[in-house]
N, C-alpha and C. Protein backbone atom coordinates (compact mmCIF):
# COMPACT_ATOMS: atom_id res chain seq x y z
N MET A 1 13.07 -16.59 -3.19
CA MET A 1 12.68 -15.33 -2.59
C MET A 1 12.16 -15.55 -1.17
N ASP A 2 12.26 -14.57 -0.36
CA ASP A 2 11.79 -14.62 1.01
C ASP A 2 10.25 -14.68 1.04
N ASN A 3 9.69 -15.44 1.97
CA ASN A 3 8.24 -15.56 2.06
C ASN A 3 7.56 -14.22 2.33
N LYS A 4 8.20 -13.37 3.12
CA LYS A 4 7.64 -12.04 3.40
C LYS A 4 7.49 -11.22 2.12
N VAL A 5 8.50 -11.29 1.27
CA VAL A 5 8.51 -10.54 0.02
C VAL A 5 7.42 -11.06 -0.91
N ILE A 6 7.30 -12.38 -1.00
CA ILE A 6 6.29 -12.97 -1.86
C ILE A 6 4.90 -12.58 -1.38
N ARG A 7 4.67 -12.63 -0.06
CA ARG A 7 3.39 -12.27 0.52
C ARG A 7 3.04 -10.80 0.19
N ARG A 8 4.03 -9.91 0.35
CA ARG A 8 3.81 -8.50 0.06
C ARG A 8 3.49 -8.29 -1.43
N GLN A 9 4.18 -9.01 -2.31
CA GLN A 9 3.93 -8.89 -3.74
C GLN A 9 2.50 -9.29 -4.08
N LYS A 10 2.02 -10.39 -3.48
CA LYS A 10 0.66 -10.85 -3.74
C LYS A 10 -0.36 -9.81 -3.30
N ILE A 11 -0.15 -9.24 -2.12
CA ILE A 11 -1.05 -8.22 -1.61
C ILE A 11 -1.00 -6.99 -2.53
N LYS A 12 0.21 -6.63 -2.97
CA LYS A 12 0.40 -5.47 -3.84
C LYS A 12 -0.38 -5.63 -5.14
N TYR A 13 -0.29 -6.82 -5.77
CA TYR A 13 -1.00 -7.06 -7.01
C TYR A 13 -2.49 -7.04 -6.80
N ARG A 14 -2.96 -7.57 -5.66
CA ARG A 14 -4.40 -7.58 -5.36
C ARG A 14 -4.91 -6.14 -5.21
N ILE A 15 -4.13 -5.27 -4.55
CA ILE A 15 -4.52 -3.86 -4.39
C ILE A 15 -4.53 -3.17 -5.74
N ARG A 16 -3.50 -3.43 -6.58
CA ARG A 16 -3.38 -2.76 -7.87
C ARG A 16 -4.51 -3.14 -8.82
N LYS A 17 -5.06 -4.37 -8.69
CA LYS A 17 -6.18 -4.78 -9.54
C LYS A 17 -7.38 -3.89 -9.30
N LYS A 18 -7.56 -3.47 -8.05
CA LYS A 18 -8.75 -2.71 -7.66
C LYS A 18 -8.59 -1.21 -7.92
N SER A 19 -7.39 -0.66 -7.74
CA SER A 19 -7.21 0.77 -7.83
C SER A 19 -6.36 1.16 -9.03
N VAL A 20 -6.96 1.99 -9.88
CA VAL A 20 -6.24 2.53 -11.04
C VAL A 20 -6.34 4.03 -10.97
N GLY A 21 -5.20 4.70 -10.98
CA GLY A 21 -5.18 6.15 -10.90
C GLY A 21 -5.39 6.80 -12.24
N SER A 22 -6.07 7.94 -12.24
CA SER A 22 -6.27 8.72 -13.46
C SER A 22 -5.74 10.12 -13.19
N ALA A 23 -5.79 10.97 -14.20
CA ALA A 23 -5.30 12.35 -14.00
C ALA A 23 -6.14 13.09 -12.98
N GLY A 24 -7.46 12.82 -12.95
CA GLY A 24 -8.35 13.49 -12.01
C GLY A 24 -8.24 12.92 -10.61
N LYS A 25 -8.02 11.62 -10.50
CA LYS A 25 -7.92 10.95 -9.19
C LYS A 25 -6.72 9.99 -9.22
N PRO A 26 -5.51 10.52 -9.01
CA PRO A 26 -4.31 9.68 -9.14
C PRO A 26 -4.15 8.73 -7.96
N ARG A 27 -3.23 7.81 -8.12
CA ARG A 27 -2.92 6.82 -7.10
C ARG A 27 -1.73 7.30 -6.28
N LEU A 28 -1.87 7.29 -4.97
CA LEU A 28 -0.77 7.67 -4.06
C LEU A 28 -0.07 6.38 -3.66
N SER A 29 1.07 6.13 -4.28
CA SER A 29 1.82 4.90 -4.06
C SER A 29 2.87 5.11 -2.97
N VAL A 30 2.98 4.17 -2.05
CA VAL A 30 3.90 4.27 -0.93
C VAL A 30 4.96 3.19 -1.04
N PHE A 31 6.23 3.56 -0.89
CA PHE A 31 7.31 2.57 -0.77
C PHE A 31 8.05 2.86 0.53
N ARG A 32 8.24 1.82 1.31
CA ARG A 32 8.87 1.97 2.62
C ARG A 32 10.14 1.14 2.62
N SER A 33 11.28 1.80 2.82
CA SER A 33 12.53 1.06 3.01
C SER A 33 12.84 1.07 4.51
N ASN A 34 13.93 0.45 4.89
CA ASN A 34 14.25 0.42 6.31
C ASN A 34 14.52 1.80 6.90
N THR A 35 15.11 2.67 6.07
CA THR A 35 15.50 3.99 6.59
C THR A 35 14.60 5.13 6.12
N ASP A 36 14.02 5.00 4.94
CA ASP A 36 13.27 6.12 4.36
C ASP A 36 11.88 5.68 3.90
N ILE A 37 11.07 6.67 3.53
CA ILE A 37 9.75 6.40 2.95
C ILE A 37 9.55 7.31 1.75
N TYR A 38 9.01 6.74 0.68
CA TYR A 38 8.85 7.47 -0.58
C TYR A 38 7.38 7.38 -1.01
N VAL A 39 6.82 8.47 -1.52
CA VAL A 39 5.45 8.47 -2.04
C VAL A 39 5.42 9.14 -3.40
N GLN A 40 4.51 8.67 -4.27
CA GLN A 40 4.35 9.21 -5.60
C GLN A 40 2.87 9.33 -5.92
N LEU A 41 2.52 10.37 -6.64
CA LEU A 41 1.17 10.48 -7.21
C LEU A 41 1.29 10.02 -8.66
N ILE A 42 0.57 8.95 -9.01
CA ILE A 42 0.74 8.33 -10.31
C ILE A 42 -0.57 8.36 -11.11
N ASP A 43 -0.47 8.78 -12.35
CA ASP A 43 -1.58 8.73 -13.29
C ASP A 43 -1.36 7.48 -14.14
N ASP A 44 -2.09 6.40 -13.81
CA ASP A 44 -1.87 5.13 -14.49
C ASP A 44 -2.36 5.13 -15.93
N ALA A 45 -3.34 5.97 -16.24
CA ALA A 45 -3.86 6.03 -17.61
C ALA A 45 -2.77 6.46 -18.59
N ASN A 46 -1.96 7.42 -18.21
CA ASN A 46 -0.87 7.90 -19.09
C ASN A 46 0.50 7.36 -18.67
N GLY A 47 0.58 6.72 -17.51
CA GLY A 47 1.85 6.20 -17.04
C GLY A 47 2.80 7.29 -16.56
N ASN A 48 2.24 8.36 -15.98
CA ASN A 48 3.06 9.50 -15.53
C ASN A 48 3.08 9.57 -14.01
N THR A 49 4.22 10.01 -13.48
CA THR A 49 4.30 10.38 -12.08
C THR A 49 4.05 11.89 -12.02
N LEU A 50 2.99 12.28 -11.32
CA LEU A 50 2.61 13.69 -11.26
C LEU A 50 3.41 14.45 -10.22
N ALA A 51 3.67 13.80 -9.07
CA ALA A 51 4.43 14.45 -8.00
C ALA A 51 5.04 13.35 -7.12
N ALA A 52 6.10 13.70 -6.44
CA ALA A 52 6.75 12.74 -5.55
C ALA A 52 7.31 13.46 -4.33
N ALA A 53 7.43 12.73 -3.24
CA ALA A 53 8.05 13.26 -2.02
C ALA A 53 8.68 12.09 -1.28
N SER A 54 9.68 12.39 -0.49
CA SER A 54 10.31 11.34 0.30
C SER A 54 10.93 11.93 1.55
N SER A 55 11.34 11.05 2.43
CA SER A 55 11.98 11.51 3.66
C SER A 55 13.42 11.95 3.39
N LYS A 56 13.88 11.82 2.14
CA LYS A 56 15.21 12.30 1.78
C LYS A 56 15.19 13.75 1.31
N ASP A 57 13.98 14.34 1.14
CA ASP A 57 13.89 15.75 0.76
C ASP A 57 14.59 16.59 1.81
N LYS A 58 15.28 17.67 1.37
CA LYS A 58 16.12 18.45 2.27
C LYS A 58 15.36 19.04 3.46
N ASP A 59 14.15 19.58 3.21
CA ASP A 59 13.41 20.20 4.32
C ASP A 59 12.95 19.18 5.35
N ILE A 60 12.67 17.96 4.92
CA ILE A 60 12.23 16.91 5.84
C ILE A 60 13.44 16.30 6.54
N LYS A 61 14.51 16.08 5.79
CA LYS A 61 15.74 15.48 6.35
C LYS A 61 16.37 16.39 7.40
N ALA A 62 16.22 17.71 7.21
CA ALA A 62 16.82 18.68 8.13
C ALA A 62 16.20 18.60 9.52
N GLN A 63 14.93 18.17 9.59
CA GLN A 63 14.27 18.06 10.89
C GLN A 63 14.66 16.73 11.52
N LYS A 64 15.30 16.79 12.66
CA LYS A 64 15.75 15.57 13.32
C LYS A 64 14.61 15.00 14.15
N VAL A 65 13.74 14.22 13.48
CA VAL A 65 12.60 13.60 14.15
C VAL A 65 12.63 12.09 13.88
N THR A 66 11.74 11.36 14.53
CA THR A 66 11.68 9.90 14.36
C THR A 66 11.16 9.56 12.96
N LYS A 67 11.33 8.32 12.55
CA LYS A 67 10.87 7.89 11.22
C LYS A 67 9.36 8.01 11.10
N GLY A 68 8.64 7.77 12.17
CA GLY A 68 7.19 7.91 12.16
C GLY A 68 6.75 9.33 11.91
N GLU A 69 7.42 10.27 12.58
CA GLU A 69 7.09 11.69 12.40
C GLU A 69 7.53 12.17 11.02
N GLN A 70 8.63 11.61 10.50
CA GLN A 70 9.08 11.95 9.14
C GLN A 70 8.01 11.53 8.15
N SER A 71 7.41 10.37 8.38
CA SER A 71 6.38 9.85 7.46
C SER A 71 5.19 10.81 7.40
N LYS A 72 4.82 11.36 8.54
CA LYS A 72 3.72 12.32 8.57
C LYS A 72 4.07 13.56 7.77
N LEU A 73 5.31 14.02 7.88
CA LEU A 73 5.78 15.18 7.12
C LEU A 73 5.78 14.89 5.61
N VAL A 74 6.14 13.67 5.23
CA VAL A 74 6.12 13.28 3.82
C VAL A 74 4.70 13.31 3.29
N GLY A 75 3.74 12.82 4.10
CA GLY A 75 2.34 12.87 3.70
C GLY A 75 1.86 14.29 3.47
N ALA A 76 2.26 15.18 4.40
CA ALA A 76 1.86 16.59 4.27
C ALA A 76 2.51 17.22 3.02
N ALA A 77 3.76 16.84 2.76
CA ALA A 77 4.48 17.40 1.60
C ALA A 77 3.81 16.98 0.29
N ILE A 78 3.42 15.72 0.18
CA ILE A 78 2.78 15.26 -1.06
C ILE A 78 1.41 15.90 -1.22
N ALA A 79 0.73 16.15 -0.10
CA ALA A 79 -0.58 16.80 -0.16
C ALA A 79 -0.44 18.23 -0.65
N ARG A 80 0.61 18.94 -0.19
CA ARG A 80 0.87 20.30 -0.66
C ARG A 80 1.11 20.31 -2.17
N LYS A 81 1.93 19.37 -2.64
CA LYS A 81 2.23 19.30 -4.07
C LYS A 81 0.98 18.97 -4.88
N ALA A 82 0.13 18.11 -4.32
CA ALA A 82 -1.10 17.73 -5.01
C ALA A 82 -2.06 18.91 -5.12
N THR A 83 -2.20 19.69 -4.05
CA THR A 83 -3.11 20.84 -4.10
C THR A 83 -2.59 21.90 -5.07
N GLU A 84 -1.27 22.02 -5.21
CA GLU A 84 -0.70 22.94 -6.20
C GLU A 84 -1.08 22.50 -7.62
N LEU A 85 -1.22 21.18 -7.82
CA LEU A 85 -1.61 20.65 -9.12
C LEU A 85 -3.14 20.64 -9.30
N GLY A 86 -3.85 21.03 -8.24
CA GLY A 86 -5.32 21.05 -8.31
C GLY A 86 -5.95 19.69 -8.03
N ILE A 87 -5.24 18.81 -7.34
CA ILE A 87 -5.75 17.48 -7.03
C ILE A 87 -6.22 17.46 -5.58
N THR A 88 -7.45 17.00 -5.37
CA THR A 88 -7.98 16.91 -3.98
C THR A 88 -8.30 15.48 -3.59
N GLU A 89 -8.64 14.62 -4.58
CA GLU A 89 -8.98 13.23 -4.28
C GLU A 89 -7.96 12.28 -4.87
N ILE A 90 -7.63 11.22 -4.10
CA ILE A 90 -6.65 10.23 -4.54
C ILE A 90 -7.11 8.83 -4.15
N PHE A 91 -6.48 7.82 -4.77
CA PHE A 91 -6.55 6.44 -4.31
C PHE A 91 -5.31 6.22 -3.47
N PHE A 92 -5.44 5.61 -2.30
CA PHE A 92 -4.28 5.32 -1.47
C PHE A 92 -3.83 3.90 -1.73
N ASP A 93 -2.62 3.75 -2.26
CA ASP A 93 -2.04 2.44 -2.55
C ASP A 93 -0.94 2.18 -1.53
N ARG A 94 -1.22 1.31 -0.57
CA ARG A 94 -0.27 1.06 0.50
C ARG A 94 0.87 0.14 0.08
N GLY A 95 0.86 -0.32 -1.16
CA GLY A 95 1.98 -1.08 -1.72
C GLY A 95 2.22 -2.42 -1.08
N GLY A 96 1.18 -3.06 -0.53
CA GLY A 96 1.35 -4.36 0.07
C GLY A 96 1.77 -4.32 1.52
N TYR A 97 2.04 -3.13 2.04
CA TYR A 97 2.39 -2.99 3.45
C TYR A 97 1.11 -2.94 4.28
N LEU A 98 1.22 -3.33 5.54
CA LEU A 98 0.06 -3.22 6.44
C LEU A 98 -0.23 -1.76 6.70
N TYR A 99 -1.51 -1.43 6.82
CA TYR A 99 -1.90 -0.05 7.11
C TYR A 99 -1.67 0.19 8.60
N HIS A 100 -0.40 0.46 8.94
CA HIS A 100 0.01 0.53 10.32
C HIS A 100 1.34 1.27 10.36
N GLY A 101 1.61 1.95 11.44
CA GLY A 101 2.92 2.59 11.61
C GLY A 101 3.19 3.69 10.61
N ARG A 102 4.32 3.58 9.89
CA ARG A 102 4.75 4.64 9.00
C ARG A 102 3.82 4.83 7.82
N VAL A 103 3.24 3.76 7.30
CA VAL A 103 2.31 3.86 6.17
C VAL A 103 1.06 4.62 6.61
N LYS A 104 0.56 4.32 7.81
CA LYS A 104 -0.61 5.01 8.36
C LYS A 104 -0.28 6.49 8.59
N ASN A 105 0.94 6.78 9.06
CA ASN A 105 1.36 8.17 9.31
C ASN A 105 1.37 8.97 8.01
N VAL A 106 1.78 8.37 6.90
CA VAL A 106 1.76 9.06 5.61
C VAL A 106 0.32 9.45 5.27
N ALA A 107 -0.59 8.48 5.43
CA ALA A 107 -2.00 8.73 5.13
C ALA A 107 -2.57 9.82 6.03
N ASP A 108 -2.26 9.77 7.32
CA ASP A 108 -2.73 10.77 8.26
C ASP A 108 -2.22 12.17 7.91
N GLY A 109 -0.93 12.26 7.58
CA GLY A 109 -0.34 13.53 7.19
C GLY A 109 -0.98 14.10 5.95
N ALA A 110 -1.28 13.24 4.97
CA ALA A 110 -1.90 13.69 3.74
C ALA A 110 -3.35 14.15 4.00
N ARG A 111 -4.05 13.41 4.84
CA ARG A 111 -5.44 13.77 5.15
C ARG A 111 -5.51 15.11 5.89
N GLU A 112 -4.61 15.29 6.86
CA GLU A 112 -4.60 16.53 7.63
C GLU A 112 -4.28 17.74 6.74
N ALA A 113 -3.49 17.50 5.68
CA ALA A 113 -3.14 18.59 4.77
C ALA A 113 -4.18 18.81 3.70
N GLY A 114 -5.27 18.01 3.69
CA GLY A 114 -6.41 18.30 2.82
C GLY A 114 -6.72 17.31 1.72
N LEU A 115 -6.01 16.20 1.60
CA LEU A 115 -6.34 15.22 0.56
C LEU A 115 -7.50 14.33 1.03
N LYS A 116 -8.35 13.93 0.08
CA LYS A 116 -9.46 13.02 0.39
C LYS A 116 -9.17 11.67 -0.27
N PHE A 117 -9.39 10.62 0.53
CA PHE A 117 -9.14 9.25 0.02
C PHE A 117 -10.48 8.61 -0.32
């Protein structure tokens, strides 16, 4: 395996040891591919995904903006879905990625839309 991938996996496991999502305070998990970004609200106690959003959603894909701006829109979209479910507080799981760039934009978009980390 690539050293970058191994490094990210180690960081991911270290983060997951500390943060466990529940129904009241779920975990906001981020996955970043080269072209898109995906987020999920996960209740680890029951093993359920409560809500999900990605840059492939039609309303976000329709807006021709940069990947960084798309990430902010994805953060806002997941925050809207969370507030519809009555969720205001979350754990932010950056998935082993550095808190920088698109991952940071997701967090900023979610915060601006009303989620508390």
